Amino acid sequence: MSALAVALARQSESHADCPLFNDPYAQVFIDAALSRGCQLPSDETSERINGIANYASSRTKWFDEYFIAAGAHGLEQMVIVAAGLDARAWRLPWVAGTTLFEIDHPGVLKFKNEALHEHGESPSVSRYVPVPADLSDGWSERLRDAGFDVSEPTAWAVEGLLPYVADGPHLLFDRIHEISPAGSRLAVEAVGTGVADWLSTQGWQVTMIGAQELMTRYGRCGDHSDTDAGMDTVFVNATRTR
């Protein structure tokens, strides 16, 4: 699903009777896309977006809670890999002194930041650092050049990305592992247990929850077997212990 399609799903959740989260910025991105000539999804695509709504909302809530917990445990350096059009840097209640790096394609970051600036919005995080980079080429070097401190425990998030990683997920996690000291945390939306198994062998303490169980926890029960994620999607929460 495209970043705009996911923004539409978040906009819908924000207007639910009992929303899992409030994302007023999703509408900002939708309006900005329309003003730049983008078209609303076709009826077929809209039906697909509605079909993933429970899953997408549960996923967003889980990653939101992950970052809030990381801040509560004293982590002050956060990285979102392929942030897309989520606006966590603007909408979450970050602990004072937190730095958030967002890595994504230059065009995505440019569109997001221009749309929010035009709307007069400022990040809620103390320091927001966009890092324009292609994940297939030198992103970790660009992250360090942007001020990332390799000696500081970091909370990483990899959401909605793995199906699109052409060179395989292990290379991505190799790079994350290389620049993450003990005490770092990693949240991943993954298919199957391969990522969790690999992290366990590298000194990360891992817990997992399946997508259906997560949706039940949040009161968003439903069958998302028609979505890209599939029934074997798991959400991995890992802490580096050595």
C-alpha atoms as a PDB file:
ATOM      1  CA  MET A   1       0.000   0.000   0.000  1.00  0.00           C
ATOM      2  CA  SER A   2       1.235   3.512  -0.798  1.00  0.00           C
ATOM      3  CA  ALA A   3       2.070   6.049   1.893  1.00  0.00           C
ATOM      4  CA  LEU A   4      -0.997   8.068   0.866  1.00  0.00           C
ATOM      5  CA  ALA A   5      -3.252   5.014   1.157  1.00  0.00           C
ATOM      6  CA  VAL A   6      -2.007   4.397   4.684  1.00  0.00           C
ATOM      7  CA  ALA A   7      -2.606   8.076   5.483  1.00  0.00           C
ATOM      8  CA  LEU A   8      -6.196   7.605   4.346  1.00  0.00           C
ATOM      9  CA  ALA A   9      -6.532   4.652   6.716  1.00  0.00           C
ATOM     10  CA  ARG A  10      -5.133   6.730   9.610  1.00  0.00           C
ATOM     11  CA  GLN A  11      -7.480   9.576   8.762  1.00  0.00           C
ATOM     12  CA  SER A  12     -10.409   7.164   8.924  1.00  0.00           C
ATOM     13  CA  GLU A  13      -9.311   5.779  12.308  1.00  0.00           C
ATOM     14  CA  SER A  14      -8.961   9.292  13.709  1.00  0.00           C
ATOM     15  CA  HIS A  15     -12.674   9.823  13.057  1.00  0.00           C
ATOM     16  CA  ALA A  16     -13.820   6.501  14.525  1.00  0.00           C
ATOM     17  CA  ASP A  17     -16.132   6.479  17.547  1.00  0.00           C
ATOM     18  CA  CYS A  18     -13.341   5.189  19.815  1.00  0.00           C
ATOM     19  CA  PRO A  19     -10.114   5.832  17.892  1.00  0.00           C
ATOM     20  CA  LEU A  20      -6.879   4.110  18.841  1.00  0.00           C
ATOM     21  CA  PHE A  21      -5.025   7.348  18.095  1.00  0.00           C
ATOM     22  CA  ASN A  22      -5.591  10.841  16.769  1.00  0.00           C
ATOM     23  CA  ASP A  23      -3.684  11.782  13.639  1.00  0.00           C
ATOM     24  CA  PRO A  24      -4.857  15.198  12.414  1.00  0.00           C
ATOM     25  CA  TYR A  25      -1.875  15.345  10.070  1.00  0.00           C
ATOM     26  CA  ALA A  26      -3.155  12.521   7.877  1.00  0.00           C
ATOM     27  CA  GLN A  27      -5.742  14.941   6.480  1.00  0.00           C
ATOM     28  CA  VAL A  28      -2.994  17.524   5.912  1.00  0.00           C
ATOM     29  CA  PHE A  29      -1.142  15.055   3.681  1.00  0.00           C
ATOM     30  CA  ILE A  30      -4.297  14.057   1.825  1.00  0.00           C
ATOM     31  CA  ASP A  31      -5.168  17.700   1.121  1.00  0.00           C
ATOM     32  CA  ALA A  32      -1.595  18.467   0.062  1.00  0.00           C
ATOM     33  CA  ALA A  33      -1.549  15.519  -2.324  1.00  0.00           C
ATOM     34  CA  LEU A  34      -4.835  16.579  -3.903  1.00  0.00           C
ATOM     35  CA  SER A  35      -3.613  20.161  -4.290  1.00  0.00           C
ATOM     36  CA  ARG A  36      -0.570  18.828  -6.141  1.00  0.00           C
ATOM     37  CA  GLY A  37      -2.687  16.949  -8.654  1.00  0.00           C
ATOM     38  CA  CYS A  38      -2.917  13.523  -7.069  1.00  0.00           C
ATOM     39  CA  GLN A  39      -6.174  11.649  -7.477  1.00  0.00           C
ATOM     40  CA  LEU A  40      -8.203  10.001  -4.758  1.00  0.00           C
ATOM     41  CA  PRO A  41      -8.004   6.194  -4.886  1.00  0.00           C
ATOM     42  CA  SER A  42     -10.315   4.299  -7.184  1.00  0.00           C
ATOM     43  CA  ASP A  43     -13.323   2.510  -5.708  1.00  0.00           C
ATOM     44  CA  GLU A  44     -11.400  -0.752  -5.855  1.00  0.00           C
ATOM     45  CA  THR A  45      -8.437   0.739  -4.010  1.00  0.00           C
ATOM     46  CA  SER A  46     -10.734   2.411  -1.477  1.00  0.00           C
ATOM     47  CA  GLU A  47     -12.285  -0.958  -0.713  1.00  0.00           C
ATOM     48  CA  ARG A  48      -8.809  -2.375  -0.187  1.00  0.00           C
ATOM     49  CA  ILE A  49      -7.922   0.490   2.165  1.00  0.00           C
ATOM     50  CA  ASN A  50     -11.086  -0.180   4.141  1.00  0.00           C
ATOM     51  CA  GLY A  51     -10.110  -3.836   4.242  1.00  0.00           C
ATOM     52  CA  ILE A  52      -6.785  -3.093   5.922  1.00  0.00           C
ATOM     53  CA  ALA A  53      -8.120  -0.402   8.272  1.00  0.00           C
ATOM     54  CA  ASN A  54      -8.225  -2.558  11.411  1.00  0.00           C
ATOM     55  CA  TYR A  55      -4.774  -3.934  10.716  1.00  0.00           C
ATOM     56  CA  ALA A  56      -3.224  -0.562   9.831  1.00  0.00           C
ATOM     57  CA  SER A  57      -4.709   1.106  12.907  1.00  0.00           C
ATOM     58  CA  SER A  58      -3.455  -1.654  15.205  1.00  0.00           C
ATOM     59  CA  ARG A  59      -0.004  -1.425  13.656  1.00  0.00           C
ATOM     60  CA  THR A  60       0.127   2.343  14.134  1.00  0.00           C
ATOM     61  CA  LYS A  61      -0.978   2.042  17.758  1.00  0.00           C
ATOM     62  CA  TRP A  62       1.636  -0.636  18.503  1.00  0.00           C
ATOM     63  CA  PHE A  63       4.498   1.462  17.123  1.00  0.00           C
ATOM     64  CA  ASP A  64       3.181   4.554  18.939  1.00  0.00           C
ATOM     65  CA  GLU A  65       3.232   2.661  22.243  1.00  0.00           C
ATOM     66  CA  TYR A  66       6.700   1.321  21.468  1.00  0.00           C
ATOM     67  CA  PHE A  67       8.161   4.830  21.124  1.00  0.00           C
ATOM     68  CA  ILE A  68       6.367   6.117  24.214  1.00  0.00           C
ATOM     69  CA  ALA A  69       7.746   3.181  26.224  1.00  0.00           C
ATOM     70  CA  ALA A  70      11.256   3.743  24.842  1.00  0.00           C
ATOM     71  CA  GLY A  71      11.173   7.336  26.037  1.00  0.00           C
ATOM     72  CA  ALA A  72       9.873   6.262  29.440  1.00  0.00           C
ATOM     73  CA  HIS A  73      12.864   3.910  29.727  1.00  0.00           C
ATOM     74  CA  GLY A  74      15.309   6.746  29.138  1.00  0.00           C
ATOM     75  CA  LEU A  75      16.120   6.459  25.435  1.00  0.00           C
ATOM     76  CA  GLU A  76      16.553   9.856  23.816  1.00  0.00           C
ATOM     77  CA  GLN A  77      17.655   8.892  20.291  1.00  0.00           C
ATOM     78  CA  MET A  78      15.017   7.474  17.945  1.00  0.00           C
ATOM     79  CA  VAL A  79      15.171   6.399  14.292  1.00  0.00           C
ATOM     80  CA  ILE A  80      12.258   5.626  11.988  1.00  0.00           C
ATOM     81  CA  VAL A  81      13.381   3.738   8.886  1.00  0.00           C
ATOM     82  CA  ALA A  82      11.186   4.565   5.871  1.00  0.00           C
ATOM     83  CA  ALA A  83       8.893   6.848   7.846  1.00  0.00           C
ATOM     84  CA  GLY A  84       6.478   7.510   4.999  1.00  0.00           C
ATOM     85  CA  LEU A  85       3.676   9.946   5.786  1.00  0.00           C
ATOM     86  CA  ASP A  86       3.271   9.150   9.448  1.00  0.00           C
ATOM     87  CA  ALA A  87       3.770  12.253  11.590  1.00  0.00           C
ATOM     88  CA  ARG A  88       4.971  10.785  14.884  1.00  0.00           C
ATOM     89  CA  ALA A  89       7.512  13.589  15.201  1.00  0.00           C
ATOM     90  CA  TRP A  90       4.539  15.967  15.367  1.00  0.00           C
ATOM     91  CA  ARG A  91       1.807  14.012  17.130  1.00  0.00           C
ATOM     92  CA  LEU A  92       3.421  11.904  19.892  1.00  0.00           C
ATOM     93  CA  PRO A  93       4.169  13.225  23.417  1.00  0.00           C
ATOM     94  CA  TRP A  94       7.959  12.940  23.312  1.00  0.00           C
ATOM     95  CA  VAL A  95      10.156  13.240  26.390  1.00  0.00           C
ATOM     96  CA  ALA A  96      12.063  16.539  26.469  1.00  0.00           C
ATOM     97  CA  GLY A  97      15.510  16.215  24.916  1.00  0.00           C
ATOM     98  CA  THR A  98      14.557  13.492  22.438  1.00  0.00           C
ATOM     99  CA  THR A  99      16.065  13.451  18.947  1.00  0.00           C
ATOM    100  CA  LEU A 100      14.138  11.730  16.169  1.00  0.00           C
ATOM    101  CA  PHE A 101      15.753  10.843  12.849  1.00  0.00           C
ATOM    102  CA  GLU A 102      13.496   9.946   9.915  1.00  0.00           C
ATOM    103  CA  ILE A 103      15.078   8.106   6.995  1.00  0.00           C
ATOM    104  CA  ASP A 104      13.228   8.015   3.684  1.00  0.00           C
ATOM    105  CA  HIS A 105      13.465   8.878   0.011  1.00  0.00           C
ATOM    106  CA  PRO A 106      14.146  12.586  -0.556  1.00  0.00           C
ATOM    107  CA  GLY A 107      10.848  13.147  -2.350  1.00  0.00           C
ATOM    108  CA  VAL A 108       8.792  11.665   0.478  1.00  0.00           C
ATOM    109  CA  LEU A 109      10.501  13.760   3.140  1.00  0.00           C
ATOM    110  CA  LYS A 110      10.274  16.907   1.001  1.00  0.00           C
ATOM    111  CA  PHE A 111       6.537  16.440   0.450  1.00  0.00           C
ATOM    112  CA  LYS A 112       5.851  15.687   4.110  1.00  0.00           C
ATOM    113  CA  ASN A 113       7.816  18.587   5.519  1.00  0.00           C
ATOM    114  CA  GLU A 114       6.503  21.074   2.955  1.00  0.00           C
ATOM    115  CA  ALA A 115       2.896  20.043   3.652  1.00  0.00           C
ATOM    116  CA  LEU A 116       3.294  20.399   7.408  1.00  0.00           C
ATOM    117  CA  HIS A 117       5.198  23.686   7.090  1.00  0.00           C
ATOM    118  CA  GLU A 118       2.489  25.112   4.827  1.00  0.00           C
ATOM    119  CA  HIS A 119      -0.030  24.140   7.496  1.00  0.00           C
ATOM    120  CA  GLY A 120       1.994  25.936  10.183  1.00  0.00           C
ATOM    121  CA  GLU A 121       2.852  22.793  12.127  1.00  0.00           C
ATOM    122  CA  SER A 122       5.988  22.293  14.232  1.00  0.00           C
ATOM    123  CA  PRO A 123       7.362  18.989  15.567  1.00  0.00           C
ATOM    124  CA  SER A 124       6.518  18.026  19.139  1.00  0.00           C
ATOM    125  CA  VAL A 125       9.885  16.276  19.483  1.00  0.00           C
ATOM    126  CA  SER A 126      12.796  18.407  20.745  1.00  0.00           C
ATOM    127  CA  ARG A 127      14.965  17.729  17.689  1.00  0.00           C
ATOM    128  CA  TYR A 128      13.647  16.405  14.401  1.00  0.00           C
ATOM    129  CA  VAL A 129      16.176  15.388  11.740  1.00  0.00           C
ATOM    130  CA  PRO A 130      15.036  14.235   8.289  1.00  0.00           C
ATOM    131  CA  VAL A 131      17.627  12.049   6.565  1.00  0.00           C
ATOM    132  CA  PRO A 132      17.079  11.796   2.796  1.00  0.00           C
ATOM    133  CA  ALA A 133      18.536   8.465   1.743  1.00  0.00           C
ATOM    134  CA  ASP A 134      18.004   5.394  -0.388  1.00  0.00           C
ATOM    135  CA  LEU A 135      17.918   2.332   1.852  1.00  0.00           C
ATOM    136  CA  SER A 136      19.840   0.381  -0.763  1.00  0.00           C
ATOM    137  CA  ASP A 137      22.787   2.773  -0.767  1.00  0.00           C
ATOM    138  CA  GLY A 138      24.704   4.174   2.194  1.00  0.00           C
ATOM    139  CA  TRP A 139      21.843   5.189   4.466  1.00  0.00           C
ATOM    140  CA  SER A 140      23.781   4.464   7.674  1.00  0.00           C
ATOM    141  CA  GLU A 141      26.580   6.811   6.605  1.00  0.00           C
ATOM    142  CA  ARG A 142      24.068   9.552   5.859  1.00  0.00           C
ATOM    143  CA  LEU A 143      22.474   8.955   9.245  1.00  0.00           C
ATOM    144  CA  ARG A 144      25.812   9.424  11.011  1.00  0.00           C
ATOM    145  CA  ASP A 145      26.531  12.517   8.922  1.00  0.00           C
ATOM    146  CA  ALA A 146      23.208  13.942  10.164  1.00  0.00           C
ATOM    147  CA  GLY A 147      24.367  13.705  13.772  1.00  0.00           C
ATOM    148  CA  PHE A 148      23.404  10.179  14.806  1.00  0.00           C
ATOM    149  CA  ASP A 149      25.452   9.103  17.851  1.00  0.00           C
ATOM    150  CA  VAL A 150      26.580   5.479  17.477  1.00  0.00           C
ATOM    151  CA  SER A 151      27.498   5.321  21.178  1.00  0.00           C
ATOM    152  CA  GLU A 152      23.981   6.160  22.389  1.00  0.00           C
ATOM    153  CA  PRO A 153      21.287   3.484  22.859  1.00  0.00           C
ATOM    154  CA  THR A 154      18.663   3.987  20.180  1.00  0.00           C
ATOM    155  CA  ALA A 155      15.042   3.031  19.563  1.00  0.00           C
ATOM    156  CA  TRP A 156      14.595   1.893  15.959  1.00  0.00           C
ATOM    157  CA  ALA A 157      11.339   1.299  14.077  1.00  0.00           C
ATOM    158  CA  VAL A 158      10.957  -0.643  10.825  1.00  0.00           C
ATOM    159  CA  GLU A 159       7.298  -0.447   9.806  1.00  0.00           C
ATOM    160  CA  GLY A 160       5.750  -1.494   6.500  1.00  0.00           C
ATOM    161  CA  LEU A 161       9.136  -1.833   4.841  1.00  0.00           C
ATOM    162  CA  LEU A 162      10.394  -5.412   4.626  1.00  0.00           C
ATOM    163  CA  PRO A 163       8.392  -6.487   1.542  1.00  0.00           C
ATOM    164  CA  TYR A 164      10.158  -3.700  -0.365  1.00  0.00           C
ATOM    165  CA  VAL A 165      13.752  -4.353   0.729  1.00  0.00           C
ATOM    166  CA  ALA A 166      15.308  -5.608  -2.487  1.00  0.00           C
ATOM    167  CA  ASP A 167      18.602  -6.806  -0.999  1.00  0.00           C
ATOM    168  CA  GLY A 168      16.979  -8.779   1.814  1.00  0.00           C
ATOM    169  CA  PRO A 169      16.150  -7.786   5.365  1.00  0.00           C
ATOM    170  CA  HIS A 170      19.273  -9.211   6.960  1.00  0.00           C
ATOM    171  CA  LEU A 171      21.523  -6.603   5.338  1.00  0.00           C
ATOM    172  CA  LEU A 172      19.274  -3.880   6.760  1.00  0.00           C
ATOM    173  CA  PHE A 173      19.424  -5.403  10.232  1.00  0.00           C
ATOM    174  CA  ASP A 174      23.165  -6.010   9.941  1.00  0.00           C
ATOM    175  CA  ARG A 175      23.601  -2.260   9.533  1.00  0.00           C
ATOM    176  CA  ILE A 176      21.239  -1.462  12.401  1.00  0.00           C
ATOM    177  CA  HIS A 177      23.049  -3.976  14.605  1.00  0.00           C
ATOM    178  CA  GLU A 178      26.454  -2.497  13.760  1.00  0.00           C
ATOM    179  CA  ILE A 179      25.507   0.967  15.030  1.00  0.00           C
ATOM    180  CA  SER A 180      23.344  -0.030  18.009  1.00  0.00           C
ATOM    181  CA  PRO A 181      25.033  -0.358  21.415  1.00  0.00           C
ATOM    182  CA  ALA A 182      23.653  -2.464  24.250  1.00  0.00           C
ATOM    183  CA  GLY A 183      20.371  -1.080  25.530  1.00  0.00           C
ATOM    184  CA  SER A 184      19.110  -0.219  22.058  1.00  0.00           C
ATOM    185  CA  ARG A 185      15.612  -1.288  21.046  1.00  0.00           C
ATOM    186  CA  LEU A 186      14.150  -2.367  17.735  1.00  0.00           C
ATOM    187  CA  ALA A 187      10.506  -2.677  16.656  1.00  0.00           C
ATOM    188  CA  VAL A 188       9.789  -4.509  13.410  1.00  0.00           C
ATOM    189  CA  GLU A 189       6.732  -5.481  11.421  1.00  0.00           C
ATOM    190  CA  ALA A 190       7.852  -8.779   9.916  1.00  0.00           C
ATOM    191  CA  VAL A 191       6.509 -11.786   8.057  1.00  0.00           C
ATOM    192  CA  GLY A 192       7.261 -15.035   9.860  1.00  0.00           C
ATOM    193  CA  THR A 193       9.850 -15.557  12.572  1.00  0.00           C
ATOM    194  CA  GLY A 194      13.019 -15.154  10.506  1.00  0.00           C
ATOM    195  CA  VAL A 195      13.834 -11.638  11.714  1.00  0.00           C
ATOM    196  CA  ALA A 196      13.195 -12.544  15.350  1.00  0.00           C
ATOM    197  CA  ASP A 197      15.305 -15.690  15.061  1.00  0.00           C
ATOM    198  CA  TRP A 198      18.209 -13.755  13.534  1.00  0.00           C
ATOM    199  CA  LEU A 199      18.081 -11.024  16.175  1.00  0.00           C
ATOM    200  CA  SER A 200      18.116 -13.642  18.933  1.00  0.00           C
ATOM    201  CA  THR A 201      21.390 -15.035  17.603  1.00  0.00           C
ATOM    202  CA  GLN A 202      22.938 -11.546  17.607  1.00  0.00           C
ATOM    203  CA  GLY A 203      22.377 -10.738  21.276  1.00  0.00           C
ATOM    204  CA  TRP A 204      18.906  -9.209  21.174  1.00  0.00           C
ATOM    205  CA  GLN A 205      16.202 -10.230  23.640  1.00  0.00           C
ATOM    206  CA  VAL A 206      13.079 -10.696  21.548  1.00  0.00           C
ATOM    207  CA  THR A 207       9.329 -10.798  22.124  1.00  0.00           C
ATOM    208  CA  MET A 208       6.694 -11.200  19.416  1.00  0.00           C
ATOM    209  CA  ILE A 209       2.966 -10.854  18.969  1.00  0.00           C
ATOM    210  CA  GLY A 210       0.959 -12.007  15.968  1.00  0.00           C
ATOM    211  CA  ALA A 211      -1.181  -9.594  13.990  1.00  0.00           C
ATOM    212  CA  GLN A 212      -4.478 -11.251  14.879  1.00  0.00           C
ATOM    213  CA  GLU A 213      -3.623 -11.256  18.588  1.00  0.00           C
ATOM    214  CA  LEU A 214      -2.614  -7.604  18.375  1.00  0.00           C
ATOM    215  CA  MET A 215      -5.856  -6.648  16.659  1.00  0.00           C
ATOM    216  CA  THR A 216      -7.810  -8.490  19.341  1.00  0.00           C
ATOM    217  CA  ARG A 217      -5.886  -6.649  22.057  1.00  0.00           C
ATOM    218  CA  TYR A 218      -6.901  -3.317  20.566  1.00  0.00           C
ATOM    219  CA  GLY A 219     -10.496  -4.314  19.880  1.00  0.00           C
ATOM    220  CA  ARG A 220      -9.952  -4.336  16.133  1.00  0.00           C
ATOM    221  CA  CYS A 221     -10.740  -7.986  15.469  1.00  0.00           C
ATOM    222  CA  GLY A 222     -10.996  -9.019  11.868  1.00  0.00           C
ATOM    223  CA  ASP A 223      -9.582 -11.110   9.093  1.00  0.00           C
ATOM    224  CA  HIS A 224      -6.814  -9.295   7.245  1.00  0.00           C
ATOM    225  CA  SER A 225      -5.870 -12.257   5.099  1.00  0.00           C
ATOM    226  CA  ASP A 226      -6.418 -10.169   1.959  1.00  0.00           C
ATOM    227  CA  THR A 227      -3.893  -7.531   2.983  1.00  0.00           C
ATOM    228  CA  ASP A 228      -0.256  -7.354   1.989  1.00  0.00           C
ATOM    229  CA  ALA A 229       0.774  -8.359   5.489  1.00  0.00           C
ATOM    230  CA  GLY A 230      -0.885 -11.774   5.466  1.00  0.00           C
ATOM    231  CA  MET A 231      -1.828 -13.993   8.327  1.00  0.00           C
ATOM    232  CA  ASP A 232       1.775 -14.736   9.341  1.00  0.00           C
ATOM    233  CA  THR A 233       2.676 -11.124  10.156  1.00  0.00           C
ATOM    234  CA  VAL A 234       4.317 -10.646  13.548  1.00  0.00           C
ATOM    235  CA  PHE A 235       5.384  -7.577  15.475  1.00  0.00           C
ATOM    236  CA  VAL A 236       8.854  -7.959  16.932  1.00  0.00           C
ATOM    237  CA  ASN A 237      10.086  -5.973  19.936  1.00  0.00           C
ATOM    238  CA  ALA A 238      13.780  -6.515  20.633  1.00  0.00           C
ATOM    239  CA  THR A 239      16.302  -5.107  23.106  1.00  0.00           C
ATOM    240  CA  ARG A 240      20.036  -5.509  22.588  1.00  0.00           C
ATOM    241  CA  THR A 241      21.598  -7.082  25.662  1.00  0.00           C
ATOM    242  CA  ARG A 242      25.197  -7.468  24.489  1.00  0.00           C
END
